Amino acid sequence: MIDQELRRKQQALFELLCAFDRFAKRKNINYFISAGTLLGAVKYNNFIPWDDDLDIYIRRADFEKIKKNFCDLERSGLYLIKVFFNDRLVCKDQNTWSNFLDISVLDNCPDSKIKFKLVLFFQLLLRASLYDKIILNQNTALEKINFIIRYGLSRIVKLILNKKKIYFLQSVCSTYFSKSESKYLYLSSSDTRYLPVKFSKKWFERVKLFKFNSKFFPGSAFYKEYLCQQYGDIQKLPPLELQRPQHLGLSNFIFDYYQDDGF
């Protein structure tokens, strides 16, 4: 993607974020710019130079507000689309998803490390049961063994349960600890292979406004702790192979879109 095309894409994404922010303010919905979007705001007051998507986190209760105001969201020219498992996008064209706002829902998780590992294993098991093909690309021998066990169990799940039941179980798993007094939140939509998904709950109880392009958007007041956990030393640039757009051709990707589970 040449620089001019990327700049046009980033401008379209910025306009999408502004539209969502206006909707969120009208409906008193709290959200946090996150991941690369927050990193860009902190380092550049804008997009990371090569970034081509937007990321926000939202607490479960606020995500429920979006669902309740679904019609108003569409009247705002925005569409909420579930694309796979628990992943959701907001875009301006429900048929062309080249520009999207990636929504990750924060759910309560158990304080116990053992219980949390069991939750993640169950989530990964359900996720794997939706795949037709799985690639063995884990690094260590232990990771490969765990993967093989999970793959075998996922084939059994795939034989016993249909897709609707798998999605239902995933939703139950995500919200199971919603009424608990946990100190932690986690991203139930993540497959955990790339970045940490468990965070201190206090990180998402205080908001700080960050300049992004020409406007200010809410992010975690504990942004230093969050970004350090996710990326380490944020002053260091990633390897050159990662300093490029990561979502080329995504609009042509065939998503496993499932309509009947109430988003």
Protein backbone atom coordinates (compact mmCIF):
# COMPACT_ATOMS: atom_id res chain seq x y z
CA MET A 1 0.00 0.00 0.00
CA ILE A 2 1.58 3.29 -1.09
CA ASP A 3 1.69 6.20 1.36
CA GLN A 4 -1.06 8.15 -0.40
CA GLU A 5 -3.48 5.24 -0.25
CA LEU A 6 -2.64 4.62 3.40
CA ARG A 7 -3.22 8.27 4.27
CA ARG A 8 -6.65 8.14 2.61
CA LYS A 9 -7.49 4.99 4.51
CA GLN A 10 -6.40 6.51 7.81
CA GLN A 11 -8.55 9.58 7.16
CA ALA A 12 -11.57 7.35 6.49
CA LEU A 13 -10.84 5.44 9.69
CA PHE A 14 -10.55 8.67 11.67
CA GLU A 15 -13.96 9.78 10.38
CA LEU A 16 -15.36 6.39 11.42
CA LEU A 17 -13.95 6.81 14.94
CA CYS A 18 -15.45 10.31 15.16
CA ALA A 19 -18.86 8.96 14.11
CA PHE A 20 -18.71 6.20 16.73
CA ASP A 21 -17.58 8.68 19.39
CA ARG A 22 -20.59 10.91 18.67
CA PHE A 23 -22.91 7.91 18.99
CA ALA A 24 -21.24 6.78 22.23
CA LYS A 25 -21.57 10.23 23.79
CA ARG A 26 -25.26 10.45 22.88
CA LYS A 27 -25.96 7.09 24.50
CA ASN A 28 -23.60 7.51 27.47
CA ILE A 29 -21.47 4.56 26.37
CA ASN A 30 -17.94 4.36 27.74
CA TYR A 31 -15.13 2.95 25.62
CA PHE A 32 -11.33 3.09 25.47
CA ILE A 33 -9.06 3.47 22.47
CA SER A 34 -6.59 0.61 22.82
CA ALA A 35 -3.81 -1.48 21.31
CA GLY A 36 -2.14 0.22 18.31
CA THR A 37 -4.64 3.08 18.31
CA LEU A 38 -3.70 4.07 21.87
CA LEU A 39 -0.02 3.53 21.13
CA GLY A 40 -0.31 5.86 18.14
CA ALA A 41 -2.08 8.49 20.25
CA VAL A 42 0.65 8.38 22.91
CA LYS A 43 3.62 8.41 20.52
CA TYR A 44 2.34 10.40 17.54
CA ASN A 45 -0.97 12.02 18.57
CA ASN A 46 -2.24 10.16 15.54
CA PHE A 47 -2.03 6.78 13.80
CA ILE A 48 1.16 4.78 14.00
CA PRO A 49 2.59 5.72 10.57
CA TRP A 50 1.92 2.28 9.06
CA ASP A 51 -1.28 1.40 10.95
CA ASP A 52 -4.45 0.69 8.99
CA ASP A 53 -7.10 -0.17 11.57
CA LEU A 54 -8.69 1.09 14.79
CA ASP A 55 -9.01 -0.72 18.12
CA ILE A 56 -11.24 -0.04 21.09
CA TYR A 57 -12.03 -1.92 24.30
CA ILE A 58 -15.45 -1.76 25.89
CA ARG A 59 -16.76 -3.17 29.16
CA ARG A 60 -19.53 -5.75 28.89
CA ALA A 61 -22.20 -3.47 30.40
CA ASP A 62 -21.44 -0.74 27.86
CA PHE A 63 -21.45 -3.23 25.02
CA GLU A 64 -24.95 -4.23 26.11
CA LYS A 65 -25.92 -0.55 25.68
CA ILE A 66 -24.75 -0.72 22.06
CA LYS A 67 -26.96 -3.76 21.50
CA LYS A 68 -29.95 -1.97 23.05
CA ASN A 69 -29.34 1.02 20.76
CA PHE A 70 -28.63 -1.04 17.67
CA CYS A 71 -31.25 0.76 15.55
CA ASP A 72 -29.88 4.16 16.52
CA LEU A 73 -26.38 2.97 15.61
CA GLU A 74 -27.60 2.12 12.12
CA ARG A 75 -29.41 5.45 11.85
CA SER A 76 -25.99 6.98 12.53
CA GLY A 77 -24.72 5.18 9.43
CA LEU A 78 -22.75 2.60 11.40
CA TYR A 79 -23.11 -1.18 11.35
CA LEU A 80 -22.14 -3.65 14.04
CA ILE A 81 -21.07 -6.92 12.49
CA LYS A 82 -20.06 -10.13 14.21
CA VAL A 83 -17.42 -11.71 12.02
CA PHE A 84 -16.07 -14.72 13.91
CA PHE A 85 -16.46 -16.29 17.33
CA ASN A 86 -16.70 -13.22 19.58
CA ASP A 87 -15.08 -10.69 17.25
CA ARG A 88 -17.08 -7.63 16.25
CA LEU A 89 -16.50 -4.74 13.87
CA VAL A 90 -18.16 -1.38 13.37
CA CYS A 91 -18.07 -0.11 9.81
CA LYS A 92 -19.93 2.29 7.53
CA ASP A 93 -20.69 -0.28 4.86
CA GLN A 94 -21.92 -3.68 6.00
CA ASN A 95 -20.94 -5.21 2.67
CA THR A 96 -17.42 -3.75 2.35
CA TRP A 97 -15.31 -4.01 5.50
CA SER A 98 -12.05 -2.48 4.31
CA ASN A 99 -12.35 0.26 6.96
CA PHE A 100 -13.47 -0.91 10.37
CA LEU A 101 -13.39 -0.24 14.08
CA ASP A 102 -12.39 -3.41 15.92
CA ILE A 103 -14.37 -3.80 19.16
CA SER A 104 -13.00 -6.05 21.92
CA VAL A 105 -15.30 -6.71 24.88
CA LEU A 106 -13.80 -6.76 28.37
CA ASP A 107 -15.32 -9.39 30.67
CA ASN A 108 -14.70 -10.26 34.29
CA CYS A 109 -12.39 -13.22 34.83
CA PRO A 110 -11.49 -15.27 37.91
CA ASP A 111 -8.67 -14.10 40.15
CA SER A 112 -7.38 -17.66 40.39
CA LYS A 113 -4.65 -18.33 37.81
CA ILE A 114 -5.72 -21.97 37.51
CA LYS A 115 -9.36 -21.06 36.87
CA PHE A 116 -8.33 -18.42 34.37
CA LYS A 117 -6.16 -20.91 32.46
CA LEU A 118 -9.13 -23.27 32.35
CA VAL A 119 -11.33 -20.49 30.98
CA LEU A 120 -8.77 -19.70 28.27
CA PHE A 121 -8.40 -23.39 27.40
CA PHE A 122 -12.17 -23.74 27.05
CA GLN A 123 -12.35 -20.60 24.89
CA LEU A 124 -9.55 -21.82 22.64
CA LEU A 125 -11.15 -25.25 22.42
CA LEU A 126 -14.47 -23.78 21.28
CA ARG A 127 -12.69 -21.46 18.86
CA ALA A 128 -10.70 -24.34 17.36
CA SER A 129 -13.89 -26.39 16.91
CA LEU A 130 -15.07 -23.81 14.34
CA TYR A 131 -12.01 -24.26 12.13
CA ASP A 132 -11.95 -26.71 9.26
CA LYS A 133 -8.18 -26.52 8.92
CA ILE A 134 -5.66 -25.78 11.66
CA ILE A 135 -1.94 -25.13 11.17
CA LEU A 136 0.59 -26.46 13.66
CA ASN A 137 2.79 -23.38 14.06
CA GLN A 138 3.50 -23.30 17.80
CA ASN A 139 7.07 -22.61 18.92
CA THR A 140 7.89 -24.88 21.86
CA ALA A 141 7.33 -28.61 22.31
CA LEU A 142 4.94 -27.97 25.22
CA GLU A 143 2.91 -25.54 23.11
CA LYS A 144 2.72 -28.12 20.31
CA ILE A 145 1.56 -30.84 22.74
CA ASN A 146 -1.11 -28.55 24.20
CA PHE A 147 -2.21 -27.65 20.72
CA ILE A 148 -2.49 -31.28 19.61
CA ILE A 149 -4.58 -32.12 22.70
CA ARG A 150 -6.82 -29.13 22.07
CA TYR A 151 -7.11 -30.00 18.39
CA GLY A 152 -8.19 -33.56 19.17
CA LEU A 153 -10.81 -32.40 21.64
CA SER A 154 -12.03 -29.73 19.21
CA ARG A 155 -12.75 -32.41 16.59
CA ILE A 156 -14.94 -34.21 19.14
CA VAL A 157 -16.75 -30.96 19.97
CA LYS A 158 -17.25 -30.31 16.25
CA LEU A 159 -18.90 -33.72 15.86
CA ILE A 160 -21.20 -33.34 18.88
CA LEU A 161 -22.24 -29.68 18.72
CA ASN A 162 -23.48 -27.54 15.88
CA LYS A 163 -22.26 -24.00 15.33
CA LYS A 164 -25.18 -22.39 17.15
CA LYS A 165 -24.46 -24.37 20.33
CA ILE A 166 -20.73 -23.61 20.11
CA TYR A 167 -21.46 -19.88 19.91
CA PHE A 168 -23.90 -20.18 22.81
CA LEU A 169 -21.31 -21.89 25.01
CA GLN A 170 -18.73 -19.27 24.13
CA SER A 171 -21.13 -16.52 25.17
CA VAL A 172 -21.86 -18.29 28.46
CA CYS A 173 -18.15 -18.72 29.11
CA SER A 174 -17.46 -15.03 28.40
CA THR A 175 -20.11 -13.76 30.83
CA TYR A 176 -19.91 -16.52 33.47
CA PHE A 177 -17.95 -14.34 35.93
CA SER A 178 -19.82 -11.11 35.13
CA LYS A 179 -21.29 -10.83 38.64
CA SER A 180 -18.10 -11.75 40.46
CA GLU A 181 -15.91 -9.30 42.38
CA SER A 182 -12.87 -10.09 40.28
CA LYS A 183 -9.84 -7.80 40.24
CA TYR A 184 -9.26 -8.59 36.58
CA LEU A 185 -10.80 -8.23 33.14
CA TYR A 186 -9.98 -10.19 30.01
CA LEU A 187 -10.69 -10.07 26.30
CA SER A 188 -12.98 -13.00 25.66
CA SER A 189 -12.74 -12.44 21.90
CA SER A 190 -8.98 -13.02 21.74
CA ASP A 191 -7.29 -16.31 20.94
CA THR A 192 -4.41 -15.30 23.29
CA ARG A 193 -1.61 -16.12 20.84
CA TYR A 194 -0.46 -12.59 20.13
CA LEU A 195 -0.80 -10.19 23.07
CA PRO A 196 -1.71 -10.49 26.77
CA VAL A 197 -5.47 -10.53 27.31
CA LYS A 198 -5.77 -10.18 31.11
CA PHE A 199 -5.75 -6.73 32.71
CA SER A 200 -6.18 -5.14 36.11
CA LYS A 201 -9.77 -3.94 36.40
CA LYS A 202 -8.62 -0.58 37.77
CA TRP A 203 -6.98 0.18 34.41
CA PHE A 204 -10.45 0.59 32.92
CA GLU A 205 -12.11 2.50 35.74
CA ARG A 206 -10.40 5.84 35.08
CA VAL A 207 -10.35 7.65 31.76
CA LYS A 208 -7.80 10.01 30.24
CA LEU A 209 -8.37 11.90 26.98
CA PHE A 210 -5.76 11.43 24.28
CA LYS A 211 -5.25 13.60 21.22
CA PHE A 212 -5.65 11.54 18.08
CA ASN A 213 -5.43 13.47 14.84
CA SER A 214 -7.46 16.64 15.46
CA LYS A 215 -9.70 15.40 18.29
CA PHE A 216 -9.50 13.82 21.74
CA PHE A 217 -10.70 10.31 22.57
CA PRO A 218 -10.94 8.33 25.82
CA GLY A 219 -8.30 5.85 26.86
CA SER A 220 -7.11 4.24 30.07
CA ALA A 221 -5.62 6.61 32.64
CA PHE A 222 -3.21 3.73 33.34
CA TYR A 223 -1.99 3.77 29.75
CA LYS A 224 1.68 3.41 30.73
CA GLU A 225 1.04 0.16 32.60
CA TYR A 226 -1.22 -1.14 29.83
CA LEU A 227 1.15 -0.33 26.97
CA CYS A 228 4.15 -1.69 28.87
CA GLN A 229 2.34 -5.00 29.39
CA GLN A 230 1.30 -5.19 25.75
CA TYR A 231 4.41 -3.95 23.95
CA GLY A 232 7.29 -3.61 26.39
CA ASP A 233 9.45 -0.58 25.62
CA ILE A 234 7.21 1.51 23.37
CA GLN A 235 10.14 3.72 22.36
CA LYS A 236 11.57 0.82 20.37
CA LEU A 237 10.28 0.32 16.85
CA PRO A 238 9.04 -3.14 15.86
CA PRO A 239 10.99 -5.20 13.29
CA LEU A 240 10.92 -3.79 9.77
CA GLU A 241 8.64 -6.59 8.54
CA LEU A 242 5.97 -5.36 10.98
CA GLN A 243 6.29 -1.72 9.95
CA ARG A 244 3.66 -2.08 7.26
CA PRO A 245 -0.14 -2.26 7.05
CA GLN A 246 -1.41 -5.50 8.58
CA HIS A 247 -4.89 -5.70 7.05
CA LEU A 248 -4.29 -5.70 3.31
CA GLY A 249 -7.00 -7.60 1.48
CA LEU A 250 -9.07 -8.04 4.60
CA SER A 251 -12.23 -6.78 2.88
CA ASN A 252 -12.05 -9.85 0.63
CA PHE A 253 -11.65 -12.28 3.53
CA ILE A 254 -14.52 -14.72 4.01
CA PHE A 255 -15.66 -14.20 7.59
CA ASP A 256 -17.54 -16.83 9.52
CA TYR A 257 -20.40 -14.44 10.12
CA TYR A 258 -23.06 -15.83 12.40
CA GLN A 259 -26.29 -13.82 12.58
CA ASP A 260 -28.57 -15.62 14.99
CA ASP A 261 -26.95 -15.27 18.41
CA GLY A 262 -27.91 -11.66 19.17
CA PHE A 263 -24.39 -10.40 18.53
